[in-house]
C-alpha atoms as a PDB file:
ATOM      1  CA  MET A   1      22.283   7.134 -22.084  1.00  0.00           C
ATOM      2  CA  LEU A   2      21.978   9.898 -19.295  1.00  0.00           C
ATOM      3  CA  ASP A   3      25.588  10.810 -19.723  1.00  0.00           C
ATOM      4  CA  ASN A   4      24.969  11.728 -23.211  1.00  0.00           C
ATOM      5  CA  SER A   5      21.538  13.196 -22.895  1.00  0.00           C
ATOM      6  CA  LEU A   6      19.950  10.608 -25.198  1.00  0.00           C
ATOM      7  CA  ASP A   7      16.145  10.352 -25.665  1.00  0.00           C
ATOM      8  CA  PRO A   8      13.777  10.370 -23.573  1.00  0.00           C
ATOM      9  CA  TYR A   9      15.687  12.855 -21.370  1.00  0.00           C
ATOM     10  CA  LEU A  10      17.852  15.838 -21.503  1.00  0.00           C
ATOM     11  CA  SER A  11      20.190  15.590 -18.562  1.00  0.00           C
ATOM     12  CA  VAL A  12      22.284  18.863 -18.699  1.00  0.00           C
ATOM     13  CA  VAL A  13      20.932  20.686 -15.524  1.00  0.00           C
ATOM     14  CA  LYS A  14      23.092  19.244 -13.270  1.00  0.00           C
ATOM     15  CA  GLY A  15      26.357  19.897 -11.271  1.00  0.00           C
ATOM     16  CA  SER A  16      29.916  19.287 -12.527  1.00  0.00           C
ATOM     17  CA  MET A  17      29.644  15.599 -12.057  1.00  0.00           C
ATOM     18  CA  ASN A  18      28.383  13.134 -15.103  1.00  0.00           C
ATOM     19  CA  ALA A  19      24.626  12.659 -15.161  1.00  0.00           C
ATOM     20  CA  SER A  20      25.018   9.018 -14.077  1.00  0.00           C
ATOM     21  CA  TYR A  21      26.616  10.356 -10.618  1.00  0.00           C
ATOM     22  CA  TYR A  22      23.479  11.951  -9.727  1.00  0.00           C
ATOM     23  CA  THR A  23      20.845   9.611 -11.337  1.00  0.00           C
ATOM     24  CA  GLN A  24      20.676   6.125 -10.996  1.00  0.00           C
ATOM     25  CA  LEU A  25      18.453   3.814 -13.089  1.00  0.00           C
ATOM     26  CA  LEU A  26      17.181   1.034 -10.390  1.00  0.00           C
ATOM     27  CA  GLY A  27      16.181  -1.786 -13.029  1.00  0.00           C
ATOM     28  CA  HIS A  28      13.586  -4.126 -12.056  1.00  0.00           C
ATOM     29  CA  ALA A  29      14.815  -5.489  -8.625  1.00  0.00           C
ATOM     30  CA  PHE A  30      12.989  -2.337  -7.131  1.00  0.00           C
ATOM     31  CA  ASN A  31       9.432  -2.154  -7.768  1.00  0.00           C
ATOM     32  CA  ALA A  32       7.737   0.817  -9.884  1.00  0.00           C
ATOM     33  CA  THR A  33       4.484   2.460  -9.056  1.00  0.00           C
ATOM     34  CA  PRO A  34       1.946  -0.655  -9.457  1.00  0.00           C
ATOM     35  CA  LEU A  35      -0.429   1.511 -11.717  1.00  0.00           C
ATOM     36  CA  TRP A  36       1.424   0.755 -14.984  1.00  0.00           C
ATOM     37  CA  SER A  37       3.345  -2.372 -14.206  1.00  0.00           C
ATOM     38  CA  PRO A  38       0.632  -4.398 -12.503  1.00  0.00           C
ATOM     39  CA  ASN A  39       2.552  -7.787 -12.876  1.00  0.00           C
ATOM     40  CA  LEU A  40       5.774  -7.339 -10.983  1.00  0.00           C
ATOM     41  CA  TRP A  41       7.118 -10.491 -12.897  1.00  0.00           C
ATOM     42  CA  SER A  42       6.927  -8.347 -16.173  1.00  0.00           C
ATOM     43  CA  PRO A  43       7.639  -4.739 -15.358  1.00  0.00           C
ATOM     44  CA  ILE A  44       7.330  -2.044 -18.195  1.00  0.00           C
ATOM     45  CA  GLU A  45       9.476   0.244 -16.641  1.00  0.00           C
ATOM     46  CA  GLN A  46      12.333   0.688 -14.238  1.00  0.00           C
ATOM     47  CA  PRO A  47      12.393   3.547 -11.472  1.00  0.00           C
ATOM     48  CA  ILE A  48      15.022   6.306 -11.462  1.00  0.00           C
ATOM     49  CA  THR A  49      16.546   8.084  -8.383  1.00  0.00           C
ATOM     50  CA  ILE A  50      17.631  11.624  -8.781  1.00  0.00           C
ATOM     51  CA  SER A  51      20.089  13.082  -6.211  1.00  0.00           C
ATOM     52  CA  ILE A  52      21.651  16.092  -5.311  1.00  0.00           C
ATOM     53  CA  ASP A  53      24.866  17.062  -3.354  1.00  0.00           C
ATOM     54  CA  ASN A  54      27.111  20.129  -2.658  1.00  0.00           C
ATOM     55  CA  THR A  55      28.589  19.505  -6.443  1.00  0.00           C
ATOM     56  CA  SER A  56      25.000  20.087  -7.732  1.00  0.00           C
ATOM     57  CA  VAL A  57      25.410  23.909  -8.838  1.00  0.00           C
ATOM     58  CA  PHE A  58      24.395  24.316 -12.234  1.00  0.00           C
ATOM     59  CA  VAL A  59      25.995  26.724 -14.705  1.00  0.00           C
ATOM     60  CA  PRO A  60      23.682  27.453 -17.492  1.00  0.00           C
ATOM     61  CA  GLY A  61      25.348  27.760 -20.730  1.00  0.00           C
ATOM     62  CA  GLY A  62      28.694  28.540 -19.393  1.00  0.00           C
ATOM     63  CA  SER A  63      27.361  31.763 -17.676  1.00  0.00           C
ATOM     64  CA  ILE A  64      27.046  32.405 -13.794  1.00  0.00           C
ATOM     65  CA  PRO A  65      27.110  29.596 -11.359  1.00  0.00           C
ATOM     66  CA  GLN A  66      23.734  29.170  -9.996  1.00  0.00           C
ATOM     67  CA  ASN A  67      25.398  29.052  -6.305  1.00  0.00           C
ATOM     68  CA  GLY A  68      22.122  29.329  -4.336  1.00  0.00           C
ATOM     69  CA  PHE A  69      20.605  26.260  -5.760  1.00  0.00           C
ATOM     70  CA  ARG A  70      21.383  22.514  -5.605  1.00  0.00           C
ATOM     71  CA  ARG A  71      19.491  20.873  -8.505  1.00  0.00           C
ATOM     72  CA  THR A  72      19.423  17.613 -10.744  1.00  0.00           C
ATOM     73  CA  GLU A  73      16.945  17.557 -13.139  1.00  0.00           C
ATOM     74  CA  LEU A  74      15.805  15.544 -16.025  1.00  0.00           C
ATOM     75  CA  ILE A  75      14.015  17.129 -19.168  1.00  0.00           C
ATOM     76  CA  ALA A  76      11.670  15.371 -21.548  1.00  0.00           C
ATOM     77  CA  GLN A  77      12.927  15.488 -25.070  1.00  0.00           C
ATOM     78  CA  LYS A  78      12.297  13.830 -28.274  1.00  0.00           C
ATOM     79  CA  ASP A  79      14.996  13.574 -31.205  1.00  0.00           C
ATOM     80  CA  GLY A  80      17.402  14.969 -28.933  1.00  0.00           C
ATOM     81  CA  ASN A  81      15.455  18.191 -28.842  1.00  0.00           C
ATOM     82  CA  HIS A  82      13.730  19.522 -25.730  1.00  0.00           C
ATOM     83  CA  THR A  83      11.729  21.461 -27.579  1.00  0.00           C
ATOM     84  CA  ALA A  84      10.490  19.330 -30.219  1.00  0.00           C
ATOM     85  CA  LEU A  85       7.733  17.847 -27.761  1.00  0.00           C
ATOM     86  CA  ASN A  86       5.846  21.347 -27.671  1.00  0.00           C
ATOM     87  CA  ALA A  87       4.004  20.756 -30.722  1.00  0.00           C
ATOM     88  CA  ILE A  88       2.762  17.474 -29.258  1.00  0.00           C
ATOM     89  CA  ALA A  89       2.625  17.683 -25.517  1.00  0.00           C
ATOM     90  CA  ASP A  90       1.694  21.485 -25.165  1.00  0.00           C
ATOM     91  CA  VAL A  91      -1.183  21.641 -27.176  1.00  0.00           C
ATOM     92  CA  GLY A  92      -5.004  21.018 -26.701  1.00  0.00           C
ATOM     93  CA  ILE A  93      -5.677  19.101 -23.531  1.00  0.00           C
ATOM     94  CA  THR A  94      -2.806  16.861 -22.485  1.00  0.00           C
ATOM     95  CA  VAL A  95      -2.004  15.060 -19.153  1.00  0.00           C
ATOM     96  CA  PHE A  96       1.666  15.052 -17.235  1.00  0.00           C
ATOM     97  CA  HIS A  97       1.953  12.029 -14.983  1.00  0.00           C
ATOM     98  CA  VAL A  98       4.510  11.223 -12.369  1.00  0.00           C
ATOM     99  CA  SER A  99       4.818   8.972  -9.317  1.00  0.00           C
ATOM    100  CA  ILE A 100       7.352  10.064  -6.413  1.00  0.00           C
ATOM    101  CA  LEU A 101       8.699   8.002  -3.584  1.00  0.00           C
ATOM    102  CA  GLU A 102      10.862   9.199  -0.597  1.00  0.00           C
ATOM    103  CA  GLU A 103      14.509   8.318  -0.391  1.00  0.00           C
ATOM    104  CA  LEU A 104      14.621   7.304   3.514  1.00  0.00           C
ATOM    105  CA  ASP A 105      18.531   7.065   3.431  1.00  0.00           C
ATOM    106  CA  LYS A 106      18.999  10.484   1.672  1.00  0.00           C
ATOM    107  CA  PRO A 107      16.124  12.509   3.012  1.00  0.00           C
ATOM    108  CA  LEU A 108      15.247  16.104   2.045  1.00  0.00           C
ATOM    109  CA  ASN A 109      15.702  18.770   4.502  1.00  0.00           C
ATOM    110  CA  MET A 110      12.286  20.149   4.874  1.00  0.00           C
ATOM    111  CA  SER A 111      13.677  23.451   6.260  1.00  0.00           C
ATOM    112  CA  HIS A 112      14.305  24.366   2.679  1.00  0.00           C
ATOM    113  CA  GLU A 113      12.096  24.618  -0.367  1.00  0.00           C
ATOM    114  CA  TYR A 114      11.990  22.265  -2.904  1.00  0.00           C
ATOM    115  CA  GLN A 115      10.488  22.133  -6.611  1.00  0.00           C
ATOM    116  CA  ILE A 116      10.543  18.513  -7.748  1.00  0.00           C
ATOM    117  CA  VAL A 117       8.095  18.607 -11.026  1.00  0.00           C
ATOM    118  CA  TRP A 118       6.882  21.486 -13.112  1.00  0.00           C
ATOM    119  CA  ILE A 119       6.690  22.650 -16.717  1.00  0.00           C
ATOM    120  CA  GLU A 120       9.112  25.840 -17.486  1.00  0.00           C
ATOM    121  CA  PRO A 121       8.407  28.083 -20.314  1.00  0.00           C
ATOM    122  CA  ASN A 122      11.272  30.287 -21.781  1.00  0.00           C
ATOM    123  CA  ASP A 123      10.091  33.229 -18.929  1.00  0.00           C
ATOM    124  CA  GLY A 124      11.292  30.941 -16.069  1.00  0.00           C
ATOM    125  CA  THR A 125       7.696  30.598 -14.781  1.00  0.00           C
ATOM    126  CA  HIS A 126       6.021  27.269 -14.180  1.00  0.00           C
ATOM    127  CA  VAL A 127       2.729  26.332 -15.907  1.00  0.00           C
ATOM    128  CA  PHE A 128       2.293  24.044 -12.778  1.00  0.00           C
ATOM    129  CA  GLU A 129       4.832  22.657 -10.102  1.00  0.00           C
ATOM    130  CA  ILE A 130       4.891  20.301  -7.495  1.00  0.00           C
ATOM    131  CA  GLN A 131       6.647  21.374  -4.227  1.00  0.00           C
ATOM    132  CA  LEU A 132       7.780  19.959  -0.945  1.00  0.00           C
ATOM    133  CA  GLY A 133       9.372  21.552   2.162  1.00  0.00           C
ATOM    134  CA  SER A 134       9.323  25.181   3.501  1.00  0.00           C
ATOM    135  CA  PRO A 135       8.521  28.032   1.266  1.00  0.00           C
ATOM    136  CA  PHE A 136      11.695  30.285   0.828  1.00  0.00           C
ATOM    137  CA  THR A 137      11.151  33.426   2.833  1.00  0.00           C
ATOM    138  CA  ILE A 138      13.345  36.635   4.043  1.00  0.00           C
ATOM    139  CA  PRO A 139      14.127  36.470   6.778  1.00  0.00           C
ATOM    140  CA  THR A 140      14.025  32.867   7.202  1.00  0.00           C
ATOM    141  CA  GLY A 141      11.314  32.376   9.713  1.00  0.00           C
ATOM    142  CA  THR A 142      10.615  29.322  11.851  1.00  0.00           C
ATOM    143  CA  VAL A 143      11.263  26.089   9.560  1.00  0.00           C
ATOM    144  CA  PRO A 144      10.339  23.684   9.011  1.00  0.00           C
ATOM    145  CA  VAL A 145       6.884  24.796   8.603  1.00  0.00           C
ATOM    146  CA  SER A 146       3.833  22.746   9.724  1.00  0.00           C
ATOM    147  CA  ASP A 147       2.890  21.451   6.228  1.00  0.00           C
ATOM    148  CA  ALA A 148       6.629  20.982   5.101  1.00  0.00           C
ATOM    149  CA  ARG A 149       6.131  17.195   4.491  1.00  0.00           C
ATOM    150  CA  PHE A 150       3.076  17.760   2.323  1.00  0.00           C
ATOM    151  CA  LEU A 151       3.359  17.353  -1.457  1.00  0.00           C
ATOM    152  CA  LYS A 152       1.872  20.717  -2.831  1.00  0.00           C
ATOM    153  CA  VAL A 153       0.349  21.207  -6.412  1.00  0.00           C
ATOM    154  CA  ARG A 154       0.461  24.832  -7.378  1.00  0.00           C
ATOM    155  CA  ASN A 155      -0.641  26.573 -10.317  1.00  0.00           C
ATOM    156  CA  HIS A 156       0.996  29.168 -12.435  1.00  0.00           C
ATOM    157  CA  ALA A 157       0.094  31.904 -10.044  1.00  0.00           C
ATOM    158  CA  LEU A 158       1.439  29.542  -7.237  1.00  0.00           C
ATOM    159  CA  ASP A 159      -2.104  29.189  -5.960  1.00  0.00           C
ATOM    160  CA  LEU A 160      -2.420  25.813  -3.948  1.00  0.00           C
ATOM    161  CA  LEU A 161      -4.631  23.356  -5.891  1.00  0.00           C
ATOM    162  CA  PHE A 162      -4.138  20.359  -3.509  1.00  0.00           C
ATOM    163  CA  GLU A 163      -1.829  19.075  -0.970  1.00  0.00           C
ATOM    164  CA  THR A 164      -1.423  15.509   0.752  1.00  0.00           C
ATOM    165  CA  PRO A 165       1.315  14.241   3.245  1.00  0.00           C
ATOM    166  CA  PHE A 166       4.556  12.838   1.711  1.00  0.00           C
ATOM    167  CA  THR A 167       4.001   9.301   3.703  1.00  0.00           C
ATOM    168  CA  SER A 168       7.130   7.169   3.572  1.00  0.00           C
ATOM    169  CA  HIS A 169       7.665   4.160   1.745  1.00  0.00           C
ATOM    170  CA  ASP A 170       4.464   5.005  -0.477  1.00  0.00           C
ATOM    171  CA  TRP A 171       4.475   5.679  -4.162  1.00  0.00           C
ATOM    172  CA  HIS A 172       2.481   9.387  -4.770  1.00  0.00           C
ATOM    173  CA  ASN A 173       0.995   9.119  -8.048  1.00  0.00           C
ATOM    174  CA  PHE A 174       0.025  12.435  -9.908  1.00  0.00           C
ATOM    175  CA  ALA A 175      -1.535  13.226 -13.026  1.00  0.00           C
ATOM    176  CA  VAL A 176      -1.875  17.005 -13.907  1.00  0.00           C
ATOM    177  CA  GLN A 177      -4.284  17.734 -16.632  1.00  0.00           C
ATOM    178  CA  ILE A 178      -3.537  21.071 -18.641  1.00  0.00           C
ATOM    179  CA  ASP A 179      -5.835  22.811 -21.245  1.00  0.00           C
ATOM    180  CA  TRP A 180      -3.474  24.885 -22.987  1.00  0.00           C
ATOM    181  CA  THR A 181      -6.286  26.530 -24.798  1.00  0.00           C
ATOM    182  CA  ASN A 182      -8.541  27.662 -22.141  1.00  0.00           C
ATOM    183  CA  LEU A 183      -5.888  27.873 -19.604  1.00  0.00           C
ATOM    184  CA  THR A 184      -7.199  25.514 -17.026  1.00  0.00           C
ATOM    185  CA  LEU A 185      -5.732  22.741 -14.684  1.00  0.00           C
ATOM    186  CA  GLY A 186      -7.131  19.521 -13.045  1.00  0.00           C
ATOM    187  CA  VAL A 187      -5.123  17.561 -10.603  1.00  0.00           C
ATOM    188  CA  PHE A 188      -5.551  13.457 -10.087  1.00  0.00           C
ATOM    189  CA  TYR A 189      -3.610  11.537  -7.521  1.00  0.00           C
ATOM    190  CA  SER A 190      -3.582   8.292  -5.629  1.00  0.00           C
ATOM    191  CA  THR A 191      -1.107   6.274  -3.494  1.00  0.00           C
ATOM    192  CA  ASN A 192       0.930   2.927  -4.491  1.00  0.00           C
ATOM    193  CA  GLY A 193      -1.668   0.482  -6.560  1.00  0.00           C
ATOM    194  CA  GLU A 194      -4.670   2.618  -5.973  1.00  0.00           C
ATOM    195  CA  PRO A 195      -6.216   3.790  -9.473  1.00  0.00           C
ATOM    196  CA  LEU A 196      -5.991   7.821 -10.152  1.00  0.00           C
ATOM    197  CA  GLU A 197      -8.864   9.945  -8.833  1.00  0.00           C
ATOM    198  CA  ALA A 198      -9.740  13.579  -9.598  1.00  0.00           C
ATOM    199  CA  VAL A 199      -8.930  15.429  -6.655  1.00  0.00           C
ATOM    200  CA  THR A 200      -9.894  19.056  -7.893  1.00  0.00           C
ATOM    201  CA  GLY A 201     -12.250  20.461 -10.071  1.00  0.00           C
ATOM    202  CA  LEU A 202     -11.298  22.524 -13.056  1.00  0.00           C
ATOM    203  CA  VAL A 203      -9.139  25.136 -12.036  1.00  0.00           C
ATOM    204  CA  GLU A 204      -8.155  28.425 -13.862  1.00  0.00           C
ATOM    205  CA  ASN A 205      -4.433  28.893 -14.861  1.00  0.00           C
ATOM    206  CA  SER A 206      -5.105  32.297 -16.652  1.00  0.00           C
ATOM    207  CA  SER A 207      -2.028  33.902 -15.471  1.00  0.00           C
ATOM    208  CA  ALA A 208      -0.077  31.647 -17.904  1.00  0.00           C
ATOM    209  CA  SER A 209       0.703  32.601 -21.090  1.00  0.00           C
ATOM    210  CA  PRO A 210      -1.310  31.286 -24.038  1.00  0.00           C
ATOM    211  CA  GLY A 211      -0.041  29.995 -27.266  1.00  0.00           C
ATOM    212  CA  ALA A 212       3.758  29.245 -27.778  1.00  0.00           C
ATOM    213  CA  ALA A 213       5.113  31.528 -25.108  1.00  0.00           C
ATOM    214  CA  GLY A 214       3.319  29.331 -22.458  1.00  0.00           C
ATOM    215  CA  GLN A 215       4.724  26.035 -23.601  1.00  0.00           C
ATOM    216  CA  GLY A 216       7.588  24.781 -22.152  1.00  0.00           C
ATOM    217  CA  ASP A 217       9.935  21.959 -21.046  1.00  0.00           C
ATOM    218  CA  TYR A 218       8.700  19.213 -18.519  1.00  0.00           C
ATOM    219  CA  HIS A 219      11.336  18.865 -15.688  1.00  0.00           C
ATOM    220  CA  PHE A 220      11.398  16.424 -12.814  1.00  0.00           C
ATOM    221  CA  GLY A 221      14.112  15.949 -10.198  1.00  0.00           C
ATOM    222  CA  VAL A 222      15.099  17.739  -7.072  1.00  0.00           C
ATOM    223  CA  LEU A 223      15.666  21.557  -7.048  1.00  0.00           C
ATOM    224  CA  LYS A 224      16.711  22.640  -3.388  1.00  0.00           C
ATOM    225  CA  LEU A 225      16.334  26.469  -2.658  1.00  0.00           C
ATOM    226  CA  PRO A 226      18.559  28.184  -0.152  1.00  0.00           C
ATOM    227  CA  LEU A 227      17.757  29.699   3.302  1.00  0.00           C
ATOM    228  CA  ALA A 228      18.113  33.317   3.287  1.00  0.00           C
ATOM    229  CA  ASP A 229      21.702  34.350   4.564  1.00  0.00           C
ATOM    230  CA  PRO A 230      21.361  37.182   7.245  1.00  0.00           C
ATOM    231  CA  ASP A 231      25.190  38.289   6.644  1.00  0.00           C
ATOM    232  CA  GLU A 232      24.317  39.051   3.041  1.00  0.00           C
ATOM    233  CA  THR A 233      22.754  42.236   1.558  1.00  0.00           C
ATOM    234  CA  ALA A 234      19.358  42.522   0.901  1.00  0.00           C
ATOM    235  CA  ALA A 235      19.897  42.248  -2.851  1.00  0.00           C
ATOM    236  CA  GLN A 236      21.642  39.242  -2.341  1.00  0.00           C
ATOM    237  CA  GLN A 237      19.277  37.487  -0.097  1.00  0.00           C
ATOM    238  CA  GLY A 238      16.671  38.482  -2.942  1.00  0.00           C
ATOM    239  CA  ASP A 239      18.771  36.551  -5.516  1.00  0.00           C
ATOM    240  CA  VAL A 240      17.962  33.002  -4.527  1.00  0.00           C
ATOM    241  CA  VAL A 241      19.596  31.609  -7.848  1.00  0.00           C
ATOM    242  CA  HIS A 242      23.048  32.972  -6.813  1.00  0.00           C
ATOM    243  CA  PHE A 243      23.175  33.367  -2.950  1.00  0.00           C
ATOM    244  CA  GLY A 244      22.031  31.834   0.362  1.00  0.00           C
ATOM    245  CA  ILE A 245      22.694  28.999   2.602  1.00  0.00           C
ATOM    246  CA  GLN A 246      23.076  25.443   1.444  1.00  0.00           C
ATOM    247  CA  GLU A 247      24.126  22.597   3.722  1.00  0.00           C
ATOM    248  CA  GLY A 248      25.597  20.292   0.759  1.00  0.00           C
ATOM    249  CA  ASP A 249      24.047  17.121   2.139  1.00  0.00           C
ATOM    250  CA  THR A 250      23.503  14.250  -0.357  1.00  0.00           C
ATOM    251  CA  GLU A 251      19.602  14.275  -0.616  1.00  0.00           C
ATOM    252  CA  ALA A 252      17.291  12.037  -3.434  1.00  0.00           C
ATOM    253  CA  LEU A 253      13.925  11.439  -4.632  1.00  0.00           C
ATOM    254  CA  THR A 254      12.770   8.357  -6.603  1.00  0.00           C
ATOM    255  CA  TYR A 255      10.589   8.491  -9.666  1.00  0.00           C
ATOM    256  CA  SER A 256       8.464   6.079 -11.534  1.00  0.00           C
ATOM    257  CA  GLY A 257       5.399   6.399 -14.324  1.00  0.00           C
ATOM    258  CA  VAL A 258       6.841   9.668 -15.799  1.00  0.00           C
ATOM    259  CA  PHE A 259       4.864  10.221 -19.127  1.00  0.00           C
ATOM    260  CA  ILE A 260       2.477  12.466 -20.999  1.00  0.00           C
ATOM    261  CA  GLU A 261      -0.896  11.729 -22.582  1.00  0.00           C
ATOM    262  CA  SER A 262      -3.323  13.440 -24.621  1.00  0.00           C
ATOM    263  CA  ILE A 263      -6.978  13.003 -23.162  1.00  0.00           C
ATOM    264  CA  THR A 264      -8.486  11.164 -26.180  1.00  0.00           C
ATOM    265  CA  GLY A 265     -10.134   8.122 -24.687  1.00  0.00           C
ATOM    266  CA  GLY A 266      -9.990   9.548 -21.210  1.00  0.00           C
ATOM    267  CA  VAL A 267      -7.400   9.874 -18.594  1.00  0.00           C
ATOM    268  CA  SER A 268      -5.278   6.788 -17.661  1.00  0.00           C
ATOM    269  CA  ALA A 269      -6.046   5.873 -14.146  1.00  0.00           C
ATOM    270  CA  GLY A 270      -4.007   2.481 -13.929  1.00  0.00           C
ATOM    271  CA  TYR A 271      -4.346  -1.020 -14.926  1.00  0.00           C
ATOM    272  CA  GLY A 272      -5.368  -0.035 -18.675  1.00  0.00           C
ATOM    273  CA  LYS A 273      -7.951   1.737 -17.350  1.00  0.00           C
ATOM    274  CA  THR A 274      -9.294   5.199 -18.263  1.00  0.00           C
ATOM    275  CA  ILE A 275     -11.341   7.714 -16.536  1.00  0.00           C
ATOM    276  CA  THR A 276     -13.159  10.773 -17.472  1.00  0.00           C
ATOM    277  CA  PRO A 277     -11.312  14.047 -17.570  1.00  0.00           C
ATOM    278  CA  ILE A 278     -12.007  16.859 -15.213  1.00  0.00           C
ATOM    279  CA  SER A 279     -14.403  19.208 -16.826  1.00  0.00           C
END
C-alpha cells in the first residue's frame, strides 16, 4: 500500500528507497494511543513508525534534490488525489488529530529543528505546525536550546500557541481545531489514555490565506532541517532546503490516531466521548 501511494496516504515525500523502507506499520502487537482503541484486545488501528536516514533526500518532481533536508512524510489523500480532501477537510471548522510517540532506539538530534505535523498550501507556508528540536539559525547558536525537547504548536505566523515536554514512553495526543472561514485555531492535548482537553483559547490565524489559496495537504512524519554550515556562503546558508549540515543518522517517530473530523456534534476527546469546540 505505502510503496504504491494507495489511499489513505500519498507516500512520495521520501528519499531514494521505497516508502516501506522508511515506514513500518506495527500491527496490533504494539499498542496505539488508547483514546481510539480502549480495548487492547480489539484495536481499531495500528501505529506507524516513520524514519529518516542519509538517503532521505527528496527530489520533488525530478528537480533539484533537497540536500539540506532529511525527510519522510505521509500526506492524507482520497481516491488517489491529495487535493481531493480540500473540499471536505479544509472548509468550515475541522479538527486534525494526531498522536506522537518517541522512538528511543532511533532518537532525534535535538540540536536540529524538526517539523513533524503540518498543513501545507501551495505557497509552502504552514496553516499550523508541530515542531521539535532547536530552531534553525544563522549562525548556529548554542544547541540544543533549553526547550528543544518540547513539542511546540505554532500558527501560520509561527507564533507559539502551546508547548509541552516530549516525555519518553508517552503517547502525546493532539487535536488542532481550524476555522477556515474566520481564520482561527485552537489546540487540544492529552497524554496516553487521558481524554483530550483544550489547552488554548481561540487564537487568531489571520496571516493564513482565506479560501482555496489557504487549503493544503495534511503532512505527518519527520522533516529535519540542517545546521548552518560556516564554510558555505551567506546565500547558501540561507537556502536551508538545499544546503547545510546533516549527520545522516537513522531517526524516527511513531504515530497513531491520525484522522480529521468536522465539529458537528463536538470534538472527539476519546472513548467515544465529545467535548465542546473552542470558542
